[in-house]
Structures are given as structure tokens and as C-alpha cells.
Amino acid sequence: MGKKKITIRKYREGVHDFNKDEVFVGIFKDGLNILLVATTDGFTDADDAFLGLKRYYPELKRTDNAAVIRYRVYSVDDVPSVSANLYFK
């Protein structure tokens, strides 16, 4: 699986509220659903986070909340839990 272990999204209540060790489904536009485990939260540089998000959310304002999601791929005996979704080609 990929090396990425963090993602930043414009915060949406009820969608981005994770607790440490909570298992959730990541739905990716490359066509995969992957079971992920929330690891920790937090971010050290708000300016870098804002500028990175601005590329994906042009309407973003500095007063908007962001969701920083740190995760690992959920696996059983080193086999990742993955399925195809509607974007799969």
C-alpha cells in the first residue's frame, strides 16, 4: 500500500469526527475503498495546511475548520482490506 499516512480535508461535521483507533472506510477517487484506522490528530503548521487545502477548495477561508486525519491501512495478517467503488475503472 502507499506511503501516505495523513490527509487534510475541509472539515464536515459528522464525516470527519474520528477517535484514535477508530476503523473507517476511505473512499478514494482511484476506485478503491480501503479500511483505515485513525491514528492521531493535530497539525503543526496551519499556514502550510491552509495553502495545501486551498488547491482543492478554492473558496476556503482561513476561518474555515479543517480535518487532519492521520491513519494506517487496516489489515488482517498483513493483508489490507480493500474493495472497488463507483470510481473503479
PDB file of N, CA and C in Angstrom:
ATOM      1  N   MET A   1       0.856  -1.174   0.000  1.00  0.00           N
ATOM      2  CA  MET A   1       0.000   0.000   0.000  1.00  0.00           C
ATOM      3  C   MET A   1       0.896   1.229   0.000  1.00  0.00           C
ATOM      4  N   GLY A   2       0.305   2.372  -0.339  1.00  0.00           N
ATOM      5  CA  GLY A   2       1.049   3.622  -0.425  1.00  0.00           C
ATOM      6  C   GLY A   2       1.676   4.037   0.890  1.00  0.00           C
ATOM      7  N   LYS A   3       2.536   5.021   0.795  1.00  0.00           N
ATOM      8  CA  LYS A   3       3.244   5.502   1.973  1.00  0.00           C
ATOM      9  C   LYS A   3       2.505   6.621   2.685  1.00  0.00           C
ATOM     10  N   LYS A   4       1.506   7.222   2.043  1.00  0.00           N
ATOM     11  CA  LYS A   4       0.778   8.335   2.628  1.00  0.00           C
ATOM     12  C   LYS A   4       0.044   7.870   3.885  1.00  0.00           C
ATOM     13  N   LYS A   5       0.200   8.628   4.964  1.00  0.00           N
ATOM     14  CA  LYS A   5      -0.440   8.261   6.231  1.00  0.00           C
ATOM     15  C   LYS A   5      -1.213   9.419   6.841  1.00  0.00           C
ATOM     16  N   ILE A   6      -1.403  10.478   6.050  1.00  0.00           N
ATOM     17  CA  ILE A   6      -2.134  11.641   6.550  1.00  0.00           C
ATOM     18  C   ILE A   6      -2.876  12.286   5.389  1.00  0.00           C
ATOM     19  N   THR A   7      -4.027  12.861   5.678  1.00  0.00           N
ATOM     20  CA  THR A   7      -4.762  13.630   4.689  1.00  0.00           C
ATOM     21  C   THR A   7      -5.396  14.822   5.392  1.00  0.00           C
ATOM     22  N   ILE A   8      -5.588  15.891   4.649  1.00  0.00           N
ATOM     23  CA  ILE A   8      -6.231  17.087   5.184  1.00  0.00           C
ATOM     24  C   ILE A   8      -7.434  17.373   4.299  1.00  0.00           C
ATOM     25  N   ARG A   9      -8.562  17.589   4.913  1.00  0.00           N
ATOM     26  CA  ARG A   9      -9.800  17.872   4.198  1.00  0.00           C
ATOM     27  C   ARG A   9     -10.486  19.069   4.837  1.00  0.00           C
ATOM     28  N   LYS A  10     -11.302  19.761   4.047  1.00  0.00           N
ATOM     29  CA  LYS A  10     -12.159  20.781   4.633  1.00  0.00           C
ATOM     30  C   LYS A  10     -13.118  20.044   5.558  1.00  0.00           C
ATOM     31  N   TYR A  11     -13.191  20.472   6.789  1.00  0.00           N
ATOM     32  CA  TYR A  11     -13.973  19.776   7.809  1.00  0.00           C
ATOM     33  C   TYR A  11     -15.467  19.780   7.479  1.00  0.00           C
ATOM     34  N   ARG A  12     -16.077  18.589   7.604  1.00  0.00           N
ATOM     35  CA  ARG A  12     -17.525  18.433   7.509  1.00  0.00           C
ATOM     36  C   ARG A  12     -17.989  17.671   8.743  1.00  0.00           C
ATOM     37  N   GLU A  13     -18.859  18.298   9.513  1.00  0.00           N
ATOM     38  CA  GLU A  13     -19.351  17.690  10.751  1.00  0.00           C
ATOM     39  C   GLU A  13     -20.010  16.351  10.459  1.00  0.00           C
ATOM     40  N   GLY A  14     -19.708  15.360  11.283  1.00  0.00           N
ATOM     41  CA  GLY A  14     -20.275  14.034  11.136  1.00  0.00           C
ATOM     42  C   GLY A  14     -19.541  13.153  10.152  1.00  0.00           C
ATOM     43  N   VAL A  15     -18.673  13.749   9.340  1.00  0.00           N
ATOM     44  CA  VAL A  15     -17.907  12.992   8.355  1.00  0.00           C
ATOM     45  C   VAL A  15     -16.455  12.861   8.803  1.00  0.00           C
ATOM     46  N   HIS A  16     -15.936  13.895   9.433  1.00  0.00           N
ATOM     47  CA  HIS A  16     -14.517  13.931   9.794  1.00  0.00           C
ATOM     48  C   HIS A  16     -14.298  13.903  11.307  1.00  0.00           C
ATOM     49  N   ASP A  17     -15.192  13.285  12.048  1.00  0.00           N
ATOM     50  CA  ASP A  17     -15.061  13.190  13.503  1.00  0.00           C
ATOM     51  C   ASP A  17     -14.601  11.783  13.872  1.00  0.00           C
ATOM     52  N   PHE A  18     -13.275  11.603  13.990  1.00  0.00           N
ATOM     53  CA  PHE A  18     -12.726  10.284  14.280  1.00  0.00           C
ATOM     54  C   PHE A  18     -12.108  10.263  15.667  1.00  0.00           C
ATOM     55  N   ASN A  19     -12.136   9.108  16.274  1.00  0.00           N
ATOM     56  CA  ASN A  19     -11.423   8.868  17.521  1.00  0.00           C
ATOM     57  C   ASN A  19     -10.231   7.972  17.221  1.00  0.00           C
ATOM     58  N   LYS A  20      -9.176   8.122  18.031  1.00  0.00           N
ATOM     59  CA  LYS A  20      -7.998   7.284  17.849  1.00  0.00           C
ATOM     60  C   LYS A  20      -8.407   5.817  17.849  1.00  0.00           C
ATOM     61  N   ASP A  21      -7.845   5.040  16.940  1.00  0.00           N
ATOM     62  CA  ASP A  21      -8.084   3.603  16.771  1.00  0.00           C
ATOM     63  C   ASP A  21      -9.447   3.267  16.166  1.00  0.00           C
ATOM     64  N   GLU A  22     -10.208   4.265  15.766  1.00  0.00           N
ATOM     65  CA  GLU A  22     -11.488   4.007  15.102  1.00  0.00           C
ATOM     66  C   GLU A  22     -11.234   3.530  13.671  1.00  0.00           C
ATOM     67  N   VAL A  23     -11.931   2.483  13.256  1.00  0.00           N
ATOM     68  CA  VAL A  23     -11.830   1.960  11.898  1.00  0.00           C
ATOM     69  C   VAL A  23     -12.897   2.647  11.047  1.00  0.00           C
ATOM     70  N   PHE A  24     -12.499   3.123   9.862  1.00  0.00           N
ATOM     71  CA  PHE A  24     -13.429   3.789   8.964  1.00  0.00           C
ATOM     72  C   PHE A  24     -13.078   3.455   7.517  1.00  0.00           C
ATOM     73  N   VAL A  25     -14.006   3.698   6.602  1.00  0.00           N
ATOM     74  CA  VAL A  25     -13.784   3.419   5.189  1.00  0.00           C
ATOM     75  C   VAL A  25     -13.315   4.690   4.498  1.00  0.00           C
ATOM     76  N   GLY A  26     -12.154   4.621   3.858  1.00  0.00           N
ATOM     77  CA  GLY A  26     -11.684   5.703   2.999  1.00  0.00           C
ATOM     78  C   GLY A  26     -12.164   5.413   1.592  1.00  0.00           C
ATOM     79  N   ILE A  27     -12.922   6.346   1.011  1.00  0.00           N
ATOM     80  CA  ILE A  27     -13.450   6.178  -0.345  1.00  0.00           C
ATOM     81  C   ILE A  27     -12.616   7.070  -1.259  1.00  0.00           C
ATOM     82  N   PHE A  28     -11.868   6.445  -2.173  1.00  0.00           N
ATOM     83  CA  PHE A  28     -10.903   7.170  -2.984  1.00  0.00           C
ATOM     84  C   PHE A  28     -11.333   7.236  -4.432  1.00  0.00           C
ATOM     85  N   LYS A  29     -11.031   8.352  -5.088  1.00  0.00           N
ATOM     86  CA  LYS A  29     -11.430   8.574  -6.491  1.00  0.00           C
ATOM     87  C   LYS A  29     -10.671   7.685  -7.459  1.00  0.00           C
ATOM     88  N   ASP A  30      -9.676   6.937  -6.997  1.00  0.00           N
ATOM     89  CA  ASP A  30      -8.992   5.992  -7.898  1.00  0.00           C
ATOM     90  C   ASP A  30      -9.771   4.686  -8.011  1.00  0.00           C
ATOM     91  N   GLY A  31     -10.916   4.617  -7.319  1.00  0.00           N
ATOM     92  CA  GLY A  31     -11.777   3.450  -7.445  1.00  0.00           C
ATOM     93  C   GLY A  31     -11.687   2.450  -6.315  1.00  0.00           C
ATOM     94  N   LEU A  32     -10.967   2.797  -5.246  1.00  0.00           N
ATOM     95  CA  LEU A  32     -10.814   1.855  -4.138  1.00  0.00           C
ATOM     96  C   LEU A  32     -11.461   2.375  -2.863  1.00  0.00           C
ATOM     97  N   ASN A  33     -12.035   1.464  -2.108  1.00  0.00           N
ATOM     98  CA  ASN A  33     -12.452   1.705  -0.731  1.00  0.00           C
ATOM     99  C   ASN A  33     -11.432   0.965   0.125  1.00  0.00           C
ATOM    100  N   ILE A  34     -10.873   1.633   1.115  1.00  0.00           N
ATOM    101  CA  ILE A  34      -9.859   1.000   1.953  1.00  0.00           C
ATOM    102  C   ILE A  34     -10.232   1.202   3.410  1.00  0.00           C
ATOM    103  N   LEU A  35     -10.253   0.115   4.175  1.00  0.00           N
ATOM    104  CA  LEU A  35     -10.470   0.242   5.610  1.00  0.00           C
ATOM    105  C   LEU A  35      -9.227   0.865   6.224  1.00  0.00           C
ATOM    106  N   LEU A  36      -9.441   1.937   6.976  1.00  0.00           N
ATOM    107  CA  LEU A  36      -8.345   2.670   7.613  1.00  0.00           C
ATOM    108  C   LEU A  36      -8.585   2.734   9.109  1.00  0.00           C
ATOM    109  N   VAL A  37      -7.518   2.942   9.854  1.00  0.00           N
ATOM    110  CA  VAL A  37      -7.593   3.103  11.301  1.00  0.00           C
ATOM    111  C   VAL A  37      -7.052   4.483  11.642  1.00  0.00           C
ATOM    112  N   ALA A  38      -7.856   5.307  12.325  1.00  0.00           N
ATOM    113  CA  ALA A  38      -7.403   6.626  12.748  1.00  0.00           C
ATOM    114  C   ALA A  38      -6.277   6.448  13.765  1.00  0.00           C
ATOM    115  N   THR A  39      -5.181   7.164  13.569  1.00  0.00           N
ATOM    116  CA  THR A  39      -4.052   7.034  14.493  1.00  0.00           C
ATOM    117  C   THR A  39      -3.985   8.201  15.469  1.00  0.00           C
ATOM    118  N   THR A  40      -3.684   9.399  14.980  1.00  0.00           N
ATOM    119  CA  THR A  40      -3.651  10.581  15.850  1.00  0.00           C
ATOM    120  C   THR A  40      -4.228  11.744  15.077  1.00  0.00           C
ATOM    121  N   ASP A  41      -4.412  12.862  15.763  1.00  0.00           N
ATOM    122  CA  ASP A  41      -4.862  14.057  15.060  1.00  0.00           C
ATOM    123  C   ASP A  41      -3.948  15.217  15.413  1.00  0.00           C
ATOM    124  N   GLY A  42      -4.144  16.324  14.756  1.00  0.00           N
ATOM    125  CA  GLY A  42      -3.339  17.508  15.008  1.00  0.00           C
ATOM    126  C   GLY A  42      -2.483  17.873  13.818  1.00  0.00           C
ATOM    127  N   PHE A  43      -1.987  19.102  13.773  1.00  0.00           N
ATOM    128  CA  PHE A  43      -1.117  19.596  12.707  1.00  0.00           C
ATOM    129  C   PHE A  43      -0.252  20.687  13.287  1.00  0.00           C
ATOM    130  N   THR A  44       0.991  20.758  12.877  1.00  0.00           N
ATOM    131  CA  THR A  44       1.906  21.711  13.497  1.00  0.00           C
ATOM    132  C   THR A  44       2.003  23.045  12.785  1.00  0.00           C
ATOM    133  N   ASP A  45       1.631  23.147  11.499  1.00  0.00           N
ATOM    134  CA  ASP A  45       1.792  24.382  10.751  1.00  0.00           C
ATOM    135  C   ASP A  45       0.503  24.719  10.008  1.00  0.00           C
ATOM    136  N   ALA A  46      -0.279  25.618  10.566  1.00  0.00           N
ATOM    137  CA  ALA A  46      -1.573  25.974   9.995  1.00  0.00           C
ATOM    138  C   ALA A  46      -1.436  26.635   8.629  1.00  0.00           C
ATOM    139  N   ASP A  47      -0.389  27.429   8.417  1.00  0.00           N
ATOM    140  CA  ASP A  47      -0.212  28.097   7.130  1.00  0.00           C
ATOM    141  C   ASP A  47       0.017  27.088   6.004  1.00  0.00           C
ATOM    142  N   ASP A  48       0.862  26.106   6.233  1.00  0.00           N
ATOM    143  CA  ASP A  48       1.096  25.079   5.213  1.00  0.00           C
ATOM    144  C   ASP A  48      -0.173  24.288   4.932  1.00  0.00           C
ATOM    145  N   ALA A  49      -0.910  23.963   5.983  1.00  0.00           N
ATOM    146  CA  ALA A  49      -2.156  23.225   5.806  1.00  0.00           C
ATOM    147  C   ALA A  49      -3.151  24.046   4.992  1.00  0.00           C
ATOM    148  N   PHE A  50      -3.280  25.323   5.298  1.00  0.00           N
ATOM    149  CA  PHE A  50      -4.216  26.183   4.574  1.00  0.00           C
ATOM    150  C   PHE A  50      -3.859  26.273   3.091  1.00  0.00           C
ATOM    151  N   LEU A  51      -2.597  26.514   2.793  1.00  0.00           N
ATOM    152  CA  LEU A  51      -2.175  26.646   1.398  1.00  0.00           C
ATOM    153  C   LEU A  51      -2.367  25.339   0.622  1.00  0.00           C
ATOM    154  N   GLY A  52      -2.114  24.211   1.262  1.00  0.00           N
ATOM    155  CA  GLY A  52      -2.327  22.921   0.616  1.00  0.00           C
ATOM    156  C   GLY A  52      -3.797  22.678   0.313  1.00  0.00           C
ATOM    157  N   LEU A  53      -4.671  23.001   1.263  1.00  0.00           N
ATOM    158  CA  LEU A  53      -6.108  22.812   1.070  1.00  0.00           C
ATOM    159  C   LEU A  53      -6.677  23.759   0.022  1.00  0.00           C
ATOM    160  N   LYS A  54      -6.115  24.943  -0.066  1.00  0.00           N
ATOM    161  CA  LYS A  54      -6.617  25.963  -0.984  1.00  0.00           C
ATOM    162  C   LYS A  54      -6.594  25.469  -2.442  1.00  0.00           C
ATOM    163  N   ARG A  55      -5.660  24.561  -2.748  1.00  0.00           N
ATOM    164  CA  ARG A  55      -5.607  23.994  -4.105  1.00  0.00           C
ATOM    165  C   ARG A  55      -6.853  23.179  -4.425  1.00  0.00           C
ATOM    166  N   TYR A  56      -7.410  22.507  -3.423  1.00  0.00           N
ATOM    167  CA  TYR A  56      -8.572  21.639  -3.626  1.00  0.00           C
ATOM    168  C   TYR A  56      -9.890  22.329  -3.296  1.00  0.00           C
ATOM    169  N   TYR A  57      -9.824  23.351  -2.453  1.00  0.00           N
ATOM    170  CA  TYR A  57     -11.008  24.096  -2.032  1.00  0.00           C
ATOM    171  C   TYR A  57     -10.756  25.583  -2.268  1.00  0.00           C
ATOM    172  N   PRO A  58     -10.887  26.061  -3.513  1.00  0.00           N
ATOM    173  CA  PRO A  58     -10.550  27.455  -3.822  1.00  0.00           C
ATOM    174  C   PRO A  58     -11.336  28.471  -2.989  1.00  0.00           C
ATOM    175  N   GLU A  59     -12.530  28.103  -2.523  1.00  0.00           N
ATOM    176  CA  GLU A  59     -13.362  29.013  -1.733  1.00  0.00           C
ATOM    177  C   GLU A  59     -12.967  29.042  -0.253  1.00  0.00           C
ATOM    178  N   LEU A  60     -11.983  28.251   0.131  1.00  0.00           N
ATOM    179  CA  LEU A  60     -11.577  28.121   1.538  1.00  0.00           C
ATOM    180  C   LEU A  60     -11.136  29.453   2.126  1.00  0.00           C
ATOM    181  N   LYS A  61     -11.590  29.711   3.352  1.00  0.00           N
ATOM    182  CA  LYS A  61     -11.181  30.908   4.091  1.00  0.00           C
ATOM    183  C   LYS A  61     -10.388  30.468   5.319  1.00  0.00           C
ATOM    184  N   ARG A  62      -9.544  31.326   5.809  1.00  0.00           N
ATOM    185  CA  ARG A  62      -8.743  30.992   6.999  1.00  0.00           C
ATOM    186  C   ARG A  62      -9.614  30.733   8.221  1.00  0.00           C
ATOM    187  N   THR A  63     -10.844  31.184   8.209  1.00  0.00           N
ATOM    188  CA  THR A  63     -11.749  30.963   9.341  1.00  0.00           C
ATOM    189  C   THR A  63     -12.469  29.623   9.265  1.00  0.00           C
ATOM    190  N   ASP A  64     -12.371  28.898   8.115  1.00  0.00           N
ATOM    191  CA  ASP A  64     -12.988  27.575   7.989  1.00  0.00           C
ATOM    192  C   ASP A  64     -12.207  26.549   8.800  1.00  0.00           C
ATOM    193  N   ASN A  65     -12.918  25.568   9.302  1.00  0.00           N
ATOM    194  CA  ASN A  65     -12.276  24.468  10.017  1.00  0.00           C
ATOM    195  C   ASN A  65     -11.712  23.454   9.031  1.00  0.00           C
ATOM    196  N   ALA A  66     -10.656  22.774   9.430  1.00  0.00           N
ATOM    197  CA  ALA A  66     -10.061  21.706   8.626  1.00  0.00           C
ATOM    198  C   ALA A  66     -10.037  20.427   9.445  1.00  0.00           C
ATOM    199  N   ALA A  67     -10.051  19.297   8.756  1.00  0.00           N
ATOM    200  CA  ALA A  67      -9.926  17.990   9.397  1.00  0.00           C
ATOM    201  C   ALA A  67      -8.576  17.418   8.987  1.00  0.00           C
ATOM    202  N   VAL A  68      -7.726  17.146   9.970  1.00  0.00           N
ATOM    203  CA  VAL A  68      -6.444  16.495   9.723  1.00  0.00           C
ATOM    204  C   VAL A  68      -6.614  15.060  10.183  1.00  0.00           C
ATOM    205  N   ILE A  69      -6.482  14.134   9.236  1.00  0.00           N
ATOM    206  CA  ILE A  69      -6.757  12.728   9.533  1.00  0.00           C
ATOM    207  C   ILE A  69      -5.476  11.929   9.341  1.00  0.00           C
ATOM    208  N   ARG A  70      -4.958  11.380  10.417  1.00  0.00           N
ATOM    209  CA  ARG A  70      -3.789  10.504  10.356  1.00  0.00           C
ATOM    210  C   ARG A  70      -4.309   9.073  10.463  1.00  0.00           C
ATOM    211  N   TYR A  71      -3.759   8.198   9.636  1.00  0.00           N
ATOM    212  CA  TYR A  71      -4.330   6.854   9.569  1.00  0.00           C
ATOM    213  C   TYR A  71      -3.280   5.828   9.182  1.00  0.00           C
ATOM    214  N   ARG A  72      -3.670   4.562   9.336  1.00  0.00           N
ATOM    215  CA  ARG A  72      -2.911   3.441   8.786  1.00  0.00           C
ATOM    216  C   ARG A  72      -3.935   2.531   8.127  1.00  0.00           C
ATOM    217  N   VAL A  73      -3.486   1.753   7.158  1.00  0.00           N
ATOM    218  CA  VAL A  73      -4.392   0.830   6.473  1.00  0.00           C
ATOM    219  C   VAL A  73      -4.711  -0.328   7.402  1.00  0.00           C
ATOM    220  N   TYR A  74      -5.985  -0.620   7.545  1.00  0.00           N
ATOM    221  CA  TYR A  74      -6.430  -1.738   8.365  1.00  0.00           C
ATOM    222  C   TYR A  74      -6.104  -3.030   7.623  1.00  0.00           C
ATOM    223  N   SER A  75      -5.499  -3.962   8.319  1.00  0.00           N
ATOM    224  CA  SER A  75      -5.171  -5.239   7.680  1.00  0.00           C
ATOM    225  C   SER A  75      -5.310  -6.376   8.678  1.00  0.00           C
ATOM    226  N   VAL A  76      -5.474  -7.569   8.136  1.00  0.00           N
ATOM    227  CA  VAL A  76      -5.538  -8.791   8.931  1.00  0.00           C
ATOM    228  C   VAL A  76      -4.427  -9.687   8.415  1.00  0.00           C
ATOM    229  N   ASP A  77      -3.513 -10.074   9.289  1.00  0.00           N
ATOM    230  CA  ASP A  77      -2.359 -10.893   8.891  1.00  0.00           C
ATOM    231  C   ASP A  77      -1.621 -10.270   7.697  1.00  0.00           C
ATOM    232  N   ASP A  78      -1.412  -8.937   7.778  1.00  0.00           N
ATOM    233  CA  ASP A  78      -0.703  -8.167   6.747  1.00  0.00           C
ATOM    234  C   ASP A  78      -1.403  -8.134   5.393  1.00  0.00           C
ATOM    235  N   VAL A  79      -2.688  -8.478   5.350  1.00  0.00           N
ATOM    236  CA  VAL A  79      -3.464  -8.376   4.120  1.00  0.00           C
ATOM    237  C   VAL A  79      -4.404  -7.176   4.278  1.00  0.00           C
ATOM    238  N   PRO A  80      -4.247  -6.130   3.426  1.00  0.00           N
ATOM    239  CA  PRO A  80      -5.089  -4.946   3.561  1.00  0.00           C
ATOM    240  C   PRO A  80      -6.533  -5.226   3.168  1.00  0.00           C
ATOM    241  N   SER A  81      -7.449  -4.499   3.784  1.00  0.00           N
ATOM    242  CA  SER A  81      -8.875  -4.620   3.474  1.00  0.00           C
ATOM    243  C   SER A  81      -9.230  -3.564   2.440  1.00  0.00           C
ATOM    244  N   VAL A  82      -9.473  -4.004   1.199  1.00  0.00           N
ATOM    245  CA  VAL A  82      -9.706  -3.096   0.078  1.00  0.00           C
ATOM    246  C   VAL A  82     -10.854  -3.629  -0.772  1.00  0.00           C
ATOM    247  N   SER A  83     -11.679  -2.725  -1.317  1.00  0.00           N
ATOM    248  CA  SER A  83     -12.708  -3.113  -2.284  1.00  0.00           C
ATOM    249  C   SER A  83     -12.809  -2.028  -3.352  1.00  0.00           C
ATOM    250  N   ALA A  84     -13.463  -2.342  -4.461  1.00  0.00           N
ATOM    251  CA  ALA A  84     -13.664  -1.373  -5.537  1.00  0.00           C
ATOM    252  C   ALA A  84     -14.891  -0.528  -5.230  1.00  0.00           C
ATOM    253  N   ASN A  85     -14.864   0.746  -5.693  1.00  0.00           N
ATOM    254  CA  ASN A  85     -16.024   1.612  -5.531  1.00  0.00           C
ATOM    255  C   ASN A  85     -16.497   2.136  -6.888  1.00  0.00           C
ATOM    256  N   LEU A  86     -17.428   3.079  -6.904  1.00  0.00           N
ATOM    257  CA  LEU A  86     -18.032   3.539  -8.155  1.00  0.00           C
ATOM    258  C   LEU A  86     -17.050   4.219  -9.092  1.00  0.00           C
ATOM    259  N   TYR A  87     -15.886   4.653  -8.600  1.00  0.00           N
ATOM    260  CA  TYR A  87     -14.883   5.287  -9.461  1.00  0.00           C
ATOM    261  C   TYR A  87     -13.964   4.270 -10.141  1.00  0.00           C
ATOM    262  N   PHE A  88     -14.059   3.024  -9.756  1.00  0.00           N
ATOM    263  CA  PHE A  88     -13.157   1.988 -10.286  1.00  0.00           C
ATOM    264  C   PHE A  88     -13.370   1.794 -11.781  1.00  0.00           C
ATOM    265  N   LYS A  89     -12.264   1.760 -12.513  1.00  0.00           N
ATOM    266  CA  LYS A  89     -12.356   1.554 -13.969  1.00  0.00           C
ATOM    267  C   LYS A  89     -11.614   0.310 -14.372  1.00  0.00           C
TER     268      LYS A  89
END
